[in-house]
Each structure stands twice: as structure tokens, then as C-alpha cells.
Amino acid sequence: MTSTWGVLTLIALKSGTLRFSELRRKVNGVSERMLTQTLQQLEGDRLLTRRSYPVVPPHVEYTLTDLGQEAAAHVECLANWVEDHMPQLAAMPEQA
């Protein structure tokens, strides 16, 4: 959940159910393999549900659980804070 892709995936799903291809477009820059791994991890953590439809081509949808919605709200706040304070954070000297 705390990986870059996990955070971005949670935030992307906060607005509602998405198919894999829609999610990949929303999480700009993620590879198909990394998104698949991230979704499997979030599903294992019970933060999202995966629904597969028996059609050709395959149709799979991902939706946040109640716990996932709560987590997404928290990580979105943190991501917004980091974005708002990026200039200050970047200007700080490194500590040894």
C-alpha cells in the first residue's frame, strides 16, 4: 500500500470502479506487470476487490473495499501534503 504504485492506484480507484486498462491510463507511467503486482497485493491486503466477467475479451473490474476507501483518503491527504510542500522539502539540506 505504501509503494508509489500502491498509493497512486488507491487514489485512482477512489473515484469508483475501473477496468484494468482504465486504471493503467490513470496511473500514468506504470507498466502492465507492475500494475498487476500492485493490484494483487492490494487485493491480498483486502483493500480492493477484483471482479472477473466470463467474456471474450476478458473483462475485469477493480473496486476499493470500505477499508480501501478509508486508506485511499489518508494516502491522498499525504500525497497532497507532499506535493504542496515539495519546494520546501527539496530546499532542505541533507543530513548525515
N, C-alpha and C. Protein backbone atom coordinates (compact mmCIF):
# COMPACT_ATOMS: atom_id res chain seq x y z
N MET A 1 0.83 -1.19 0.00
CA MET A 1 0.00 0.00 0.00
C MET A 1 0.87 1.25 0.00
N THR A 2 2.02 1.20 0.61
CA THR A 2 2.84 2.40 0.73
C THR A 2 3.82 2.57 -0.43
N SER A 3 3.81 1.68 -1.39
CA SER A 3 4.67 1.87 -2.56
C SER A 3 4.10 2.99 -3.41
N THR A 4 4.93 3.55 -4.26
CA THR A 4 4.47 4.61 -5.15
C THR A 4 3.26 4.16 -5.96
N TRP A 5 3.36 2.98 -6.56
CA TRP A 5 2.26 2.49 -7.40
C TRP A 5 1.04 2.15 -6.57
N GLY A 6 1.23 1.66 -5.35
CA GLY A 6 0.11 1.35 -4.48
C GLY A 6 -0.67 2.61 -4.11
N VAL A 7 0.05 3.66 -3.77
CA VAL A 7 -0.58 4.93 -3.42
C VAL A 7 -1.35 5.48 -4.62
N LEU A 8 -0.71 5.51 -5.79
CA LEU A 8 -1.36 6.06 -6.98
C LEU A 8 -2.57 5.22 -7.41
N THR A 9 -2.48 3.91 -7.22
CA THR A 9 -3.60 3.02 -7.56
C THR A 9 -4.78 3.26 -6.63
N LEU A 10 -4.51 3.38 -5.35
CA LEU A 10 -5.58 3.67 -4.39
C LEU A 10 -6.27 4.99 -4.72
N ILE A 11 -5.47 6.01 -5.02
CA ILE A 11 -6.04 7.31 -5.35
C ILE A 11 -6.87 7.24 -6.63
N ALA A 12 -6.37 6.51 -7.62
CA ALA A 12 -7.10 6.37 -8.89
C ALA A 12 -8.44 5.67 -8.69
N LEU A 13 -8.48 4.67 -7.82
CA LEU A 13 -9.71 3.91 -7.59
C LEU A 13 -10.68 4.61 -6.64
N LYS A 14 -10.23 5.68 -6.02
CA LYS A 14 -11.07 6.40 -5.07
C LYS A 14 -12.35 6.91 -5.72
N SER A 15 -12.27 7.23 -7.01
CA SER A 15 -13.44 7.78 -7.71
C SER A 15 -14.44 6.71 -8.15
N GLY A 16 -14.06 5.43 -8.04
CA GLY A 16 -15.00 4.37 -8.41
C GLY A 16 -14.35 3.20 -9.11
N THR A 17 -15.17 2.28 -9.55
CA THR A 17 -14.73 1.05 -10.20
C THR A 17 -14.07 1.35 -11.54
N LEU A 18 -12.95 0.67 -11.80
CA LEU A 18 -12.24 0.83 -13.06
C LEU A 18 -11.81 -0.52 -13.62
N ARG A 19 -11.78 -0.60 -14.94
CA ARG A 19 -11.21 -1.77 -15.61
C ARG A 19 -9.69 -1.60 -15.62
N PHE A 20 -8.99 -2.71 -15.88
CA PHE A 20 -7.53 -2.69 -15.86
C PHE A 20 -6.97 -1.62 -16.79
N SER A 21 -7.46 -1.57 -18.03
CA SER A 21 -6.92 -0.61 -19.00
C SER A 21 -7.20 0.84 -18.57
N GLU A 22 -8.36 1.10 -17.98
CA GLU A 22 -8.68 2.44 -17.49
C GLU A 22 -7.75 2.82 -16.34
N LEU A 23 -7.51 1.87 -15.48
CA LEU A 23 -6.64 2.09 -14.33
C LEU A 23 -5.21 2.36 -14.79
N ARG A 24 -4.75 1.61 -15.77
CA ARG A 24 -3.39 1.81 -16.29
C ARG A 24 -3.22 3.20 -16.88
N ARG A 25 -4.25 3.69 -17.55
CA ARG A 25 -4.18 5.05 -18.10
C ARG A 25 -4.16 6.10 -16.99
N LYS A 26 -4.93 5.87 -15.93
CA LYS A 26 -4.98 6.83 -14.81
C LYS A 26 -3.69 6.85 -14.01
N VAL A 27 -3.06 5.68 -13.86
CA VAL A 27 -1.80 5.59 -13.13
C VAL A 27 -0.68 5.70 -14.17
N ASN A 28 -0.48 6.89 -14.63
CA ASN A 28 0.45 7.17 -15.72
C ASN A 28 1.87 6.70 -15.39
N GLY A 29 2.45 5.93 -16.31
CA GLY A 29 3.84 5.50 -16.16
C GLY A 29 4.02 4.10 -15.60
N VAL A 30 2.98 3.49 -15.10
CA VAL A 30 3.09 2.15 -14.52
C VAL A 30 3.09 1.11 -15.65
N SER A 31 3.96 0.12 -15.52
CA SER A 31 3.97 -0.97 -16.50
C SER A 31 2.82 -1.93 -16.20
N GLU A 32 2.46 -2.71 -17.20
CA GLU A 32 1.39 -3.69 -17.02
C GLU A 32 1.74 -4.67 -15.91
N ARG A 33 2.97 -5.12 -15.91
CA ARG A 33 3.43 -6.10 -14.90
C ARG A 33 3.37 -5.51 -13.50
N MET A 34 3.85 -4.27 -13.34
CA MET A 34 3.87 -3.64 -12.02
C MET A 34 2.45 -3.36 -11.53
N LEU A 35 1.56 -2.95 -12.43
CA LEU A 35 0.18 -2.71 -12.03
C LEU A 35 -0.48 -4.02 -11.60
N THR A 36 -0.21 -5.09 -12.33
CA THR A 36 -0.75 -6.40 -11.96
C THR A 36 -0.29 -6.81 -10.57
N GLN A 37 1.01 -6.65 -10.29
CA GLN A 37 1.55 -7.00 -8.97
C GLN A 37 0.94 -6.12 -7.88
N THR A 38 0.80 -4.84 -8.17
CA THR A 38 0.24 -3.90 -7.19
C THR A 38 -1.21 -4.26 -6.89
N LEU A 39 -1.99 -4.57 -7.92
CA LEU A 39 -3.39 -4.94 -7.72
C LEU A 39 -3.51 -6.23 -6.91
N GLN A 40 -2.64 -7.20 -7.19
CA GLN A 40 -2.66 -8.45 -6.43
C GLN A 40 -2.34 -8.21 -4.97
N GLN A 41 -1.38 -7.33 -4.71
CA GLN A 41 -1.01 -7.03 -3.33
C GLN A 41 -2.15 -6.30 -2.60
N LEU A 42 -2.75 -5.33 -3.26
CA LEU A 42 -3.86 -4.60 -2.64
C LEU A 42 -5.07 -5.51 -2.41
N GLU A 43 -5.30 -6.43 -3.33
CA GLU A 43 -6.38 -7.40 -3.15
C GLU A 43 -6.07 -8.32 -1.97
N GLY A 44 -4.83 -8.76 -1.87
CA GLY A 44 -4.42 -9.61 -0.75
C GLY A 44 -4.54 -8.90 0.59
N ASP A 45 -4.34 -7.58 0.57
CA ASP A 45 -4.48 -6.77 1.79
C ASP A 45 -5.93 -6.38 2.05
N ARG A 46 -6.84 -6.86 1.20
CA ARG A 46 -8.29 -6.61 1.31
C ARG A 46 -8.65 -5.13 1.16
N LEU A 47 -7.86 -4.42 0.35
CA LEU A 47 -8.14 -3.01 0.10
C LEU A 47 -8.94 -2.82 -1.18
N LEU A 48 -8.99 -3.85 -2.02
CA LEU A 48 -9.80 -3.78 -3.23
C LEU A 48 -10.34 -5.16 -3.55
N THR A 49 -11.39 -5.15 -4.37
CA THR A 49 -11.95 -6.40 -4.85
C THR A 49 -11.78 -6.45 -6.36
N ARG A 50 -11.61 -7.65 -6.86
CA ARG A 50 -11.44 -7.90 -8.29
C ARG A 50 -12.64 -8.70 -8.76
N ARG A 51 -13.28 -8.22 -9.81
CA ARG A 51 -14.43 -8.94 -10.36
C ARG A 51 -14.15 -9.25 -11.82
N SER A 52 -14.16 -10.54 -12.13
CA SER A 52 -13.87 -11.01 -13.48
C SER A 52 -15.15 -11.51 -14.14
N TYR A 53 -15.37 -11.09 -15.38
CA TYR A 53 -16.55 -11.49 -16.12
C TYR A 53 -16.15 -12.52 -17.18
N PRO A 54 -16.93 -13.60 -17.33
CA PRO A 54 -16.58 -14.67 -18.28
C PRO A 54 -16.96 -14.30 -19.73
N VAL A 55 -16.24 -13.34 -20.28
CA VAL A 55 -16.49 -12.88 -21.65
C VAL A 55 -15.17 -12.84 -22.42
N VAL A 56 -15.28 -12.74 -23.73
CA VAL A 56 -14.10 -12.59 -24.58
C VAL A 56 -14.25 -11.27 -25.31
N PRO A 57 -13.27 -10.38 -25.22
CA PRO A 57 -12.04 -10.46 -24.43
C PRO A 57 -12.33 -10.33 -22.93
N PRO A 58 -11.37 -10.72 -22.11
CA PRO A 58 -11.58 -10.69 -20.66
C PRO A 58 -11.98 -9.30 -20.16
N HIS A 59 -12.88 -9.28 -19.22
CA HIS A 59 -13.35 -8.03 -18.61
C HIS A 59 -13.18 -8.18 -17.10
N VAL A 60 -12.29 -7.37 -16.55
CA VAL A 60 -12.01 -7.42 -15.11
C VAL A 60 -12.15 -6.01 -14.55
N GLU A 61 -12.83 -5.89 -13.43
CA GLU A 61 -13.03 -4.60 -12.78
C GLU A 61 -12.45 -4.63 -11.36
N TYR A 62 -11.97 -3.47 -10.94
CA TYR A 62 -11.40 -3.32 -9.60
C TYR A 62 -12.14 -2.22 -8.87
N THR A 63 -12.48 -2.51 -7.60
CA THR A 63 -13.22 -1.57 -6.76
C THR A 63 -12.61 -1.58 -5.37
N LEU A 64 -12.50 -0.41 -4.77
CA LEU A 64 -11.99 -0.34 -3.40
C LEU A 64 -13.03 -0.88 -2.43
N THR A 65 -12.56 -1.59 -1.42
CA THR A 65 -13.42 -2.00 -0.32
C THR A 65 -13.62 -0.79 0.59
N ASP A 66 -14.43 -0.92 1.61
CA ASP A 66 -14.61 0.17 2.58
C ASP A 66 -13.26 0.53 3.22
N LEU A 67 -12.49 -0.49 3.56
CA LEU A 67 -11.17 -0.27 4.15
C LEU A 67 -10.25 0.42 3.13
N GLY A 68 -10.35 0.02 1.88
CA GLY A 68 -9.57 0.64 0.82
C GLY A 68 -9.94 2.10 0.61
N GLN A 69 -11.23 2.41 0.69
CA GLN A 69 -11.68 3.81 0.57
C GLN A 69 -11.08 4.66 1.68
N GLU A 70 -11.08 4.10 2.89
CA GLU A 70 -10.51 4.83 4.03
C GLU A 70 -9.01 5.04 3.84
N ALA A 71 -8.32 3.99 3.41
CA ALA A 71 -6.87 4.10 3.17
C ALA A 71 -6.58 5.11 2.06
N ALA A 72 -7.37 5.07 0.99
CA ALA A 72 -7.17 5.99 -0.14
C ALA A 72 -7.31 7.44 0.31
N ALA A 73 -8.28 7.72 1.17
CA ALA A 73 -8.47 9.09 1.66
C ALA A 73 -7.24 9.56 2.43
N HIS A 74 -6.67 8.68 3.24
CA HIS A 74 -5.49 9.05 4.03
C HIS A 74 -4.25 9.24 3.15
N VAL A 75 -4.01 8.32 2.23
CA VAL A 75 -2.81 8.46 1.39
C VAL A 75 -2.95 9.64 0.43
N GLU A 76 -4.18 9.96 0.02
CA GLU A 76 -4.39 11.13 -0.84
C GLU A 76 -4.04 12.41 -0.08
N CYS A 77 -4.42 12.49 1.18
CA CYS A 77 -4.06 13.65 2.00
C CYS A 77 -2.55 13.79 2.12
N LEU A 78 -1.88 12.69 2.36
CA LEU A 78 -0.43 12.71 2.47
C LEU A 78 0.22 13.10 1.14
N ALA A 79 -0.27 12.53 0.04
CA ALA A 79 0.28 12.86 -1.28
C ALA A 79 0.08 14.34 -1.59
N ASN A 80 -1.07 14.89 -1.24
CA ASN A 80 -1.33 16.31 -1.45
C ASN A 80 -0.40 17.17 -0.60
N TRP A 81 -0.17 16.76 0.63
CA TRP A 81 0.73 17.50 1.51
C TRP A 81 2.14 17.51 0.93
N VAL A 82 2.62 16.36 0.49
CA VAL A 82 3.96 16.27 -0.09
C VAL A 82 4.05 17.18 -1.32
N GLU A 83 3.04 17.12 -2.18
CA GLU A 83 3.05 17.96 -3.39
C GLU A 83 3.06 19.45 -3.02
N ASP A 84 2.27 19.85 -2.04
CA ASP A 84 2.22 21.25 -1.62
C ASP A 84 3.53 21.73 -1.02
N HIS A 85 4.26 20.83 -0.37
CA HIS A 85 5.49 21.21 0.33
C HIS A 85 6.76 20.78 -0.40
N MET A 86 6.64 20.33 -1.63
CA MET A 86 7.80 19.85 -2.37
C MET A 86 8.92 20.89 -2.45
N PRO A 87 8.63 22.17 -2.75
CA PRO A 87 9.74 23.13 -2.80
C PRO A 87 10.50 23.24 -1.48
N GLN A 88 9.78 23.24 -0.37
CA GLN A 88 10.42 23.29 0.94
C GLN A 88 11.23 22.04 1.21
N LEU A 89 10.68 20.89 0.88
CA LEU A 89 11.37 19.63 1.12
C LEU A 89 12.63 19.53 0.27
N ALA A 90 12.55 19.98 -0.98
CA ALA A 90 13.69 19.90 -1.89
C ALA A 90 14.79 20.87 -1.47
N ALA A 91 14.44 21.99 -0.84
CA ALA A 91 15.42 23.00 -0.44
C ALA A 91 16.15 22.65 0.84
N MET A 92 15.65 21.68 1.57
CA MET A 92 16.28 21.32 2.85
C MET A 92 17.61 20.62 2.60
N PRO A 93 18.63 20.98 3.40
CA PRO A 93 19.93 20.31 3.25
C PRO A 93 19.85 18.86 3.73
N GLU A 94 20.63 18.02 3.09
CA GLU A 94 20.68 16.61 3.52
C GLU A 94 21.39 16.51 4.85
N GLN A 95 20.94 15.57 5.66
CA GLN A 95 21.58 15.35 6.95
C GLN A 95 22.41 14.07 6.87
N ALA A 96 23.54 14.11 7.53
CA ALA A 96 24.46 12.96 7.51
C ALA A 96 24.05 11.91 8.48
